[in-house]
Amino acid sequence: MIFVSETQVGDRVEYRDTKRYLWVLSFVPALLPFVFYGAYFATNQSPLWALGQLIFAYFFIPVMDILLGEDTNNPPEAVVNQMVEDQYYTRLLYIAVAVYFAAFAVSAWFFATADLPIWAMIIVAISAGVFSGTALTVGHELGHKPGWGQQLGAKLINGLSWYGHFTQEHNTGHHTHVATPEDSASSRLNENFYAFTLREVPDGVRRGWAIERKKLQQRGLPFFHWRNEVLQSYAISVVLAGAAIALLGWVMIPFLIIHNFYSWQQLSLANYVEHYGLKREKKANGKYEPCQPKHSWNTNHVFSTLLFFHLQRHSDHHANPMRPYQALRDFEELPRLPSGYLGCFVLAFIPPLWFRVMNPKVMAWAGGDIAKVNTGPA
């Protein structure tokens, strides 16, 4: 599709969104259970098929990012409004919600019914959690939009992982305090991923609930009220878990525990790499400077970008949080990750390797001044 508009001085602008139909690749992570578990039944029923999704996530995606490289193309500002109003891009998000729920159902069914050794059952639950965590990318995009349908989609996806507080915590908490020592979702220089997770997850839960409590108080409503949006999402979690246990048995309890843990971990991995060591400067009045693109790590690796709805163009997202994924831009002189997110997740799993790659990048971004780096509270 070609978008046509005019600049402020009357020049004609034509722009073809070359990614328009490639965004359907964002369904691929959710379709993997159908592929690998279908292959299990279609072949010799080897439990090794259970490893397929993790191999795809932590090996195939980083390799494809290396092979396909980066795409730095930006849409012209003159056509951005047309792209924003094009409901095709929003419909893809709604479809993704449905496909991720189907993926969860297939994974739960396979866990409960396939004749698997214990190690393979654990891998199935971990894989389901990793890709439900990936689904939070969709909840993240929808949760930033005010429409009723978009907010419902965000609650459904958050509920899939028992992370019902995410939209409140992220939109009001993280976006307000991002790239400061006060933000639990911004990692600090020399803070390894595991220490970050132990800080970020409980603080995020507390902050999300506190934000919703304050919002309800301002409306004159009690905390336990049907309009509590965090409770709405957690209600979805309870219904989903109850249905899984009723249909597939008590074996769903260990499945859900493992699934939820690794879903949360996947979100923490994204939070960890997105702002590592970056800090906004505090002004003389004690307030931090506004968030700018330079306060988020960016990457344009095309394969993972298409799988995750442009989440990796995180710099523009934080500078312009209402700008939808299809219109996010790249900028010159941004802090850049060495790989797409999944490749960076692999590095984050091995703290000495992560520090070796990223610490020099952080110090280069800060011009060698450690005072400009997020090292934690003073």
Protein backbone atom coordinates (compact mmCIF):
# COMPACT_ATOMS: atom_id res chain seq x y z
CA MET A 1 0.00 0.00 0.00
CA ILE A 2 1.22 3.49 -0.85
CA PHE A 3 0.47 6.38 1.51
CA VAL A 4 0.17 9.75 -0.24
CA SER A 5 0.28 13.16 1.42
CA GLU A 6 1.77 16.63 1.16
CA THR A 7 4.40 18.43 3.19
CA GLN A 8 3.68 21.77 4.84
CA VAL A 9 5.07 23.52 1.78
CA GLY A 10 2.84 21.56 -0.59
CA ASP A 11 5.32 18.97 -1.90
CA ARG A 12 3.77 15.59 -2.73
CA VAL A 13 4.98 12.67 -0.61
CA GLU A 14 4.52 9.01 -1.49
CA TYR A 15 5.56 6.25 0.88
CA ARG A 16 5.28 2.49 0.53
CA ASP A 17 5.42 0.66 3.85
CA THR A 18 7.58 -2.30 2.86
CA LYS A 19 6.95 -3.94 6.24
CA ARG A 20 3.16 -3.68 5.98
CA TYR A 21 2.50 -7.32 5.12
CA LEU A 22 5.65 -8.60 6.79
CA TRP A 23 4.12 -7.77 10.18
CA VAL A 24 2.22 -11.05 9.92
CA LEU A 25 5.55 -12.62 10.90
CA SER A 26 4.72 -11.40 14.41
CA PHE A 27 2.39 -14.40 14.62
CA VAL A 28 5.29 -16.82 14.16
CA PRO A 29 6.27 -17.11 17.87
CA ALA A 30 2.67 -17.99 18.77
CA LEU A 31 2.45 -20.58 15.98
CA LEU A 32 5.53 -22.50 17.11
CA PRO A 33 3.64 -24.90 19.44
CA PHE A 34 1.50 -25.97 16.49
CA VAL A 35 4.63 -26.61 14.42
CA PHE A 36 6.78 -28.48 16.93
CA TYR A 37 4.07 -30.40 18.75
CA GLY A 38 2.48 -31.26 15.43
CA ALA A 39 5.86 -32.59 14.32
CA TYR A 40 6.02 -34.67 17.52
CA PHE A 41 2.82 -36.51 16.63
CA ALA A 42 3.60 -36.67 12.90
CA THR A 43 7.00 -38.33 13.36
CA ASN A 44 8.46 -40.67 15.95
CA GLN A 45 7.14 -38.78 18.99
CA SER A 46 10.63 -37.91 20.13
CA PRO A 47 10.66 -35.68 23.23
CA LEU A 48 13.44 -33.69 21.54
CA TRP A 49 10.71 -31.81 19.66
CA ALA A 50 9.97 -30.07 22.96
CA LEU A 51 13.26 -28.19 22.59
CA GLY A 52 12.23 -26.59 19.31
CA GLN A 53 10.77 -23.36 20.64
CA LEU A 54 13.73 -22.53 22.88
CA ILE A 55 16.16 -23.26 20.03
CA PHE A 56 14.11 -20.95 17.82
CA ALA A 57 14.11 -18.20 20.45
CA TYR A 58 17.69 -18.22 21.63
CA PHE A 59 19.56 -19.50 18.58
CA PHE A 60 17.57 -19.13 15.36
CA ILE A 61 16.35 -15.56 15.96
CA PRO A 62 19.81 -14.16 16.88
CA VAL A 63 21.35 -15.92 13.88
CA MET A 64 18.70 -14.52 11.54
CA ASP A 65 19.28 -11.04 12.95
CA ILE A 66 22.96 -11.39 12.07
CA LEU A 67 22.23 -12.68 8.57
CA LEU A 68 19.47 -10.19 7.67
CA GLY A 69 21.02 -7.15 9.33
CA GLU A 70 19.21 -3.92 10.16
CA ASP A 71 16.51 -1.76 8.62
CA THR A 72 16.83 1.94 9.44
CA ASN A 73 14.01 3.10 7.16
CA ASN A 74 11.65 5.72 8.64
CA PRO A 75 8.21 6.76 7.38
CA PRO A 76 8.00 10.44 6.36
CA GLU A 77 6.24 12.57 8.96
CA ALA A 78 3.76 13.71 6.31
CA VAL A 79 2.18 10.24 6.13
CA VAL A 80 2.38 9.24 9.79
CA ASN A 81 -1.19 10.32 10.58
CA GLN A 82 -2.48 8.14 7.75
CA MET A 83 -0.49 5.19 9.06
CA VAL A 84 -1.82 5.77 12.57
CA GLU A 85 -5.41 5.83 11.31
CA ASP A 86 -5.00 2.68 9.21
CA GLN A 87 -6.82 0.00 11.25
CA TYR A 88 -4.97 -2.81 9.48
CA TYR A 89 -2.08 -2.43 11.92
CA THR A 90 -4.37 -2.52 14.96
CA ARG A 91 -6.23 -5.57 13.64
CA LEU A 92 -2.94 -7.44 13.53
CA LEU A 93 -2.57 -6.85 17.27
CA TYR A 94 -6.06 -8.21 17.96
CA ILE A 95 -5.32 -11.30 15.88
CA ALA A 96 -2.06 -11.76 17.79
CA VAL A 97 -3.99 -11.80 21.08
CA ALA A 98 -6.16 -14.66 19.82
CA VAL A 99 -3.21 -16.60 18.40
CA TYR A 100 -1.23 -16.33 21.64
CA PHE A 101 -4.21 -17.64 23.61
CA ALA A 102 -4.45 -20.56 21.19
CA ALA A 103 -0.72 -21.20 21.64
CA PHE A 104 -1.17 -21.30 25.41
CA ALA A 105 -4.05 -23.77 25.07
CA VAL A 106 -2.08 -26.07 22.76
CA SER A 107 0.96 -25.99 25.06
CA ALA A 108 -1.16 -26.77 28.12
CA TRP A 109 -2.89 -29.64 26.30
CA PHE A 110 0.42 -31.07 25.07
CA PHE A 111 1.91 -30.85 28.57
CA ALA A 112 -1.05 -32.71 30.06
CA THR A 113 -1.62 -35.38 27.42
CA ALA A 114 1.63 -36.22 25.61
CA ASP A 115 3.72 -39.13 26.89
CA LEU A 116 6.77 -37.10 27.85
CA PRO A 117 9.62 -37.57 30.29
CA ILE A 118 9.74 -35.08 33.16
CA TRP A 119 12.56 -33.05 31.61
CA ALA A 120 10.55 -32.57 28.40
CA MET A 121 7.43 -31.56 30.34
CA ILE A 122 9.49 -28.90 32.12
CA ILE A 123 10.82 -27.65 28.76
CA VAL A 124 7.27 -27.46 27.38
CA ALA A 125 6.17 -25.31 30.34
CA ILE A 126 9.28 -23.10 30.09
CA SER A 127 8.72 -22.63 26.35
CA ALA A 128 5.08 -21.71 26.92
CA GLY A 129 6.17 -19.14 29.50
CA VAL A 130 8.85 -17.64 27.28
CA PHE A 131 6.39 -17.03 24.48
CA SER A 132 3.59 -15.83 26.75
CA GLY A 133 6.20 -13.36 27.97
CA THR A 134 6.78 -12.47 24.33
CA ALA A 135 3.03 -11.91 24.03
CA LEU A 136 3.40 -9.08 26.54
CA THR A 137 4.87 -7.17 23.58
CA VAL A 138 1.33 -7.12 22.21
CA GLY A 139 -0.12 -6.16 25.59
CA HIS A 140 2.47 -3.40 25.81
CA GLU A 141 1.46 -1.93 22.45
CA LEU A 142 -2.28 -2.17 23.12
CA GLY A 143 -1.95 -0.93 26.70
CA HIS A 144 -0.57 2.40 25.51
CA LYS A 145 -3.72 3.10 23.49
CA PRO A 146 -6.93 4.52 25.00
CA GLY A 147 -9.54 2.59 23.02
CA TRP A 148 -11.83 0.16 24.84
CA GLY A 149 -10.90 -2.74 22.58
CA GLN A 150 -7.20 -2.03 22.88
CA GLN A 151 -7.38 -1.87 26.66
CA LEU A 152 -9.31 -5.14 26.75
CA GLY A 153 -6.70 -6.79 24.54
CA ALA A 154 -3.97 -5.61 26.91
CA LYS A 155 -5.82 -7.01 29.93
CA LEU A 156 -6.27 -10.36 28.20
CA ILE A 157 -2.58 -10.65 27.33
CA ASN A 158 -1.49 -9.49 30.78
CA GLY A 159 -3.89 -12.00 32.30
CA LEU A 160 -2.32 -14.81 30.29
CA SER A 161 0.85 -14.43 32.38
CA TRP A 162 -0.70 -13.37 35.71
CA TYR A 163 0.86 -9.95 35.15
CA GLY A 164 -2.31 -7.89 35.45
CA HIS A 165 -0.57 -4.88 36.97
CA PHE A 166 1.70 -4.41 33.94
CA THR A 167 -0.15 -1.66 32.06
CA GLN A 168 -0.48 0.56 35.14
CA GLU A 169 3.08 -0.05 36.29
CA HIS A 170 4.54 0.46 32.83
CA ASN A 171 2.56 3.44 31.58
CA THR A 172 2.46 5.50 34.78
CA GLY A 173 5.42 4.14 36.74
CA HIS A 174 8.14 3.13 34.29
CA HIS A 175 7.47 5.85 31.72
CA THR A 176 7.55 8.50 34.44
CA HIS A 177 10.78 7.35 36.10
CA VAL A 178 12.58 5.63 33.20
CA ALA A 179 16.38 5.91 33.10
CA THR A 180 16.64 7.13 36.69
CA PRO A 181 17.93 5.37 39.82
CA GLU A 182 14.37 5.51 41.19
CA ASP A 183 12.96 3.30 38.44
CA SER A 184 12.76 -0.38 39.31
CA ALA A 185 12.46 -1.26 35.61
CA SER A 186 15.70 0.49 34.57
CA SER A 187 18.80 -1.62 35.11
CA ARG A 188 21.99 -0.15 36.54
CA LEU A 189 25.61 -0.40 35.46
CA ASN A 190 27.16 -3.65 36.75
CA GLU A 191 23.79 -4.93 37.95
CA ASN A 192 23.44 -8.45 36.60
CA PHE A 193 20.17 -9.71 35.19
CA TYR A 194 19.41 -11.98 38.13
CA ALA A 195 19.88 -9.23 40.72
CA PHE A 196 17.82 -6.89 38.55
CA THR A 197 14.96 -9.38 38.37
CA LEU A 198 14.87 -9.78 42.16
CA ARG A 199 14.51 -5.99 42.42
CA GLU A 200 12.32 -5.31 39.41
CA VAL A 201 9.57 -7.92 39.74
CA PRO A 202 8.42 -7.25 43.34
CA ASP A 203 8.89 -3.49 42.99
CA GLY A 204 6.89 -3.55 39.77
CA VAL A 205 4.05 -5.42 41.47
CA ARG A 206 3.99 -2.96 44.36
CA ARG A 207 4.15 0.06 42.06
CA GLY A 208 1.41 -1.22 39.75
CA TRP A 209 -0.99 -1.90 42.63
CA ALA A 210 -0.18 1.45 44.28
CA ILE A 211 -0.86 3.35 41.05
CA GLU A 212 -4.23 1.67 40.59
CA ARG A 213 -5.14 2.25 44.24
CA LYS A 214 -4.36 5.97 43.91
CA LYS A 215 -6.35 6.24 40.68
CA LEU A 216 -9.40 4.66 42.32
CA GLN A 217 -9.08 6.92 45.37
CA GLN A 218 -9.07 9.97 43.11
CA ARG A 219 -12.35 8.72 41.64
CA GLY A 220 -13.80 8.16 45.10
CA LEU A 221 -13.89 4.39 44.61
CA PRO A 222 -12.75 1.61 46.97
CA PHE A 223 -9.86 -0.61 45.96
CA PHE A 224 -12.04 -3.70 45.62
CA HIS A 225 -14.30 -2.41 42.90
CA TRP A 226 -15.25 -3.80 39.51
CA ARG A 227 -13.56 -0.81 37.87
CA ASN A 228 -10.18 -1.83 39.30
CA GLU A 229 -8.37 -2.60 36.05
CA VAL A 230 -5.63 -4.61 37.74
CA LEU A 231 -8.20 -6.87 39.36
CA GLN A 232 -9.98 -7.20 36.01
CA SER A 233 -6.85 -8.62 34.44
CA TYR A 234 -6.14 -10.90 37.38
CA ALA A 235 -9.74 -12.15 37.17
CA ILE A 236 -8.93 -13.25 33.62
CA SER A 237 -5.92 -15.11 35.03
CA VAL A 238 -8.07 -16.91 37.59
CA VAL A 239 -10.68 -17.90 35.00
CA LEU A 240 -7.99 -19.12 32.62
CA ALA A 241 -6.26 -21.18 35.32
CA GLY A 242 -9.56 -22.60 36.53
CA ALA A 243 -10.54 -23.63 33.01
CA ALA A 244 -7.15 -25.27 32.44
CA ILE A 245 -7.38 -27.27 35.67
CA ALA A 246 -11.01 -28.24 35.04
CA LEU A 247 -10.29 -29.47 31.52
CA LEU A 248 -6.81 -30.97 31.91
CA GLY A 249 -6.50 -31.81 35.59
CA TRP A 250 -4.29 -30.87 38.51
CA VAL A 251 -1.19 -31.37 36.38
CA MET A 252 -1.88 -27.82 35.24
CA ILE A 253 -0.70 -26.43 38.58
CA PRO A 254 3.03 -27.14 38.00
CA PHE A 255 2.57 -26.11 34.36
CA LEU A 256 1.13 -22.74 35.37
CA ILE A 257 3.79 -22.12 38.04
CA ILE A 258 6.63 -22.75 35.58
CA HIS A 259 4.83 -20.92 32.77
CA ASN A 260 4.23 -17.80 34.83
CA PHE A 261 7.77 -17.69 36.22
CA TYR A 262 9.38 -17.77 32.79
CA SER A 263 6.83 -15.38 31.35
CA TRP A 264 7.78 -12.85 34.01
CA GLN A 265 11.45 -13.56 33.34
CA GLN A 266 11.00 -12.81 29.64
CA LEU A 267 9.55 -9.39 30.43
CA SER A 268 12.35 -8.72 32.91
CA LEU A 269 14.90 -9.56 30.22
CA ALA A 270 13.39 -6.91 27.96
CA ASN A 271 13.34 -4.34 30.75
CA TYR A 272 16.92 -5.22 31.63
CA VAL A 273 18.40 -4.58 28.18
CA GLU A 274 16.29 -1.56 27.23
CA HIS A 275 17.85 1.05 29.55
CA TYR A 276 20.95 -0.60 31.01
CA GLY A 277 23.15 2.03 32.64
CA LEU A 278 21.46 5.00 30.97
CA LYS A 279 20.46 7.97 33.12
CA ARG A 280 18.60 11.21 32.60
CA GLU A 281 20.34 14.24 34.05
CA LYS A 282 18.83 15.86 37.14
CA LYS A 283 18.29 19.59 36.79
CA ALA A 284 18.99 22.25 39.40
CA ASN A 285 15.36 22.16 40.56
CA GLY A 286 15.72 18.48 41.46
CA LYS A 287 13.65 17.23 38.52
CA TYR A 288 14.98 15.00 35.78
CA GLU A 289 15.25 16.19 32.21
CA PRO A 290 12.48 14.91 29.88
CA CYS A 291 13.00 11.47 28.42
CA GLN A 292 14.72 11.64 25.05
CA PRO A 293 15.52 8.95 22.46
CA LYS A 294 19.07 8.75 23.83
CA HIS A 295 17.77 7.33 27.12
CA SER A 296 16.84 3.93 25.64
CA TRP A 297 18.93 1.34 23.84
CA ASN A 298 17.82 0.91 20.25
CA THR A 299 18.16 -1.81 17.64
CA ASN A 300 16.89 -2.13 14.07
CA HIS A 301 17.65 -5.84 13.49
CA VAL A 302 14.94 -6.61 11.01
CA PHE A 303 14.00 -10.20 11.82
CA SER A 304 13.32 -9.74 15.52
CA THR A 305 11.84 -6.30 14.83
CA LEU A 306 9.16 -7.92 12.69
CA LEU A 307 8.49 -10.62 15.28
CA PHE A 308 8.00 -8.12 18.11
CA PHE A 309 6.03 -5.24 16.57
CA HIS A 310 8.94 -2.77 16.52
CA LEU A 311 9.43 -2.97 20.29
CA GLN A 312 13.17 -2.75 19.64
CA ARG A 313 12.81 0.82 18.35
CA HIS A 314 12.51 1.61 22.01
CA SER A 315 14.16 5.01 21.83
CA ASP A 316 11.35 6.60 19.84
CA HIS A 317 8.75 4.72 21.89
CA HIS A 318 9.88 6.31 25.16
CA ALA A 319 10.23 9.74 23.63
CA ASN A 320 6.78 9.40 22.01
CA PRO A 321 4.85 6.69 23.88
CA MET A 322 1.59 7.17 21.97
CA ARG A 323 3.21 6.68 18.57
CA PRO A 324 2.09 3.25 17.29
CA TYR A 325 4.54 0.54 16.34
CA GLN A 326 4.22 0.95 12.55
CA ALA A 327 5.36 4.60 12.75
CA LEU A 328 8.29 4.30 15.19
CA ARG A 329 11.50 5.88 13.91
CA ASP A 330 15.22 5.35 14.05
CA PHE A 331 17.56 8.26 14.79
CA GLU A 332 21.25 8.79 14.24
CA GLU A 333 23.61 8.73 17.22
CA LEU A 334 21.31 6.61 19.39
CA PRO A 335 22.77 4.14 21.89
CA ARG A 336 22.64 0.83 20.03
CA LEU A 337 22.44 -2.74 21.23
CA PRO A 338 24.84 -5.22 19.63
CA SER A 339 22.01 -7.51 18.52
CA GLY A 340 18.25 -7.82 18.49
CA TYR A 341 16.60 -8.46 21.82
CA LEU A 342 16.90 -12.27 21.82
CA GLY A 343 20.64 -12.12 21.14
CA CYS A 344 20.97 -9.63 23.98
CA PHE A 345 18.95 -11.91 26.24
CA VAL A 346 21.52 -14.64 25.64
CA LEU A 347 24.26 -12.21 26.68
CA ALA A 348 22.27 -11.18 29.76
CA PHE A 349 22.05 -14.81 30.90
CA ILE A 350 25.86 -14.72 31.23
CA PRO A 351 26.65 -11.58 33.29
CA PRO A 352 30.45 -11.44 32.65
CA LEU A 353 29.78 -11.59 28.90
CA TRP A 354 27.04 -8.94 29.12
CA PHE A 355 29.28 -6.61 31.14
CA ARG A 356 32.18 -7.12 28.73
CA VAL A 357 30.04 -6.13 25.74
CA MET A 358 27.80 -3.45 27.24
CA ASN A 359 29.83 -1.62 29.89
CA PRO A 360 32.14 -0.01 27.31
CA LYS A 361 29.05 1.06 25.35
CA VAL A 362 27.54 2.65 28.45
CA MET A 363 30.73 4.55 29.26
CA ALA A 364 31.08 5.70 25.64
CA TRP A 365 27.48 6.96 25.76
CA ALA A 366 28.30 8.88 28.96
CA GLY A 367 31.50 10.33 27.51
CA GLY A 368 33.51 8.48 30.14
CA ASP A 369 31.78 10.32 33.01
CA ILE A 370 30.55 7.78 35.56
CA ALA A 371 28.40 10.50 37.17
CA LYS A 372 26.19 10.44 34.03
CA VAL A 373 25.56 6.69 34.37
CA ASN A 374 22.79 4.98 36.31
CA THR A 375 24.69 3.19 39.06
CA GLY A 376 21.83 3.23 41.55
CA PRO A 377 20.78 5.63 44.32
CA ALA A 378 23.47 8.08 45.41
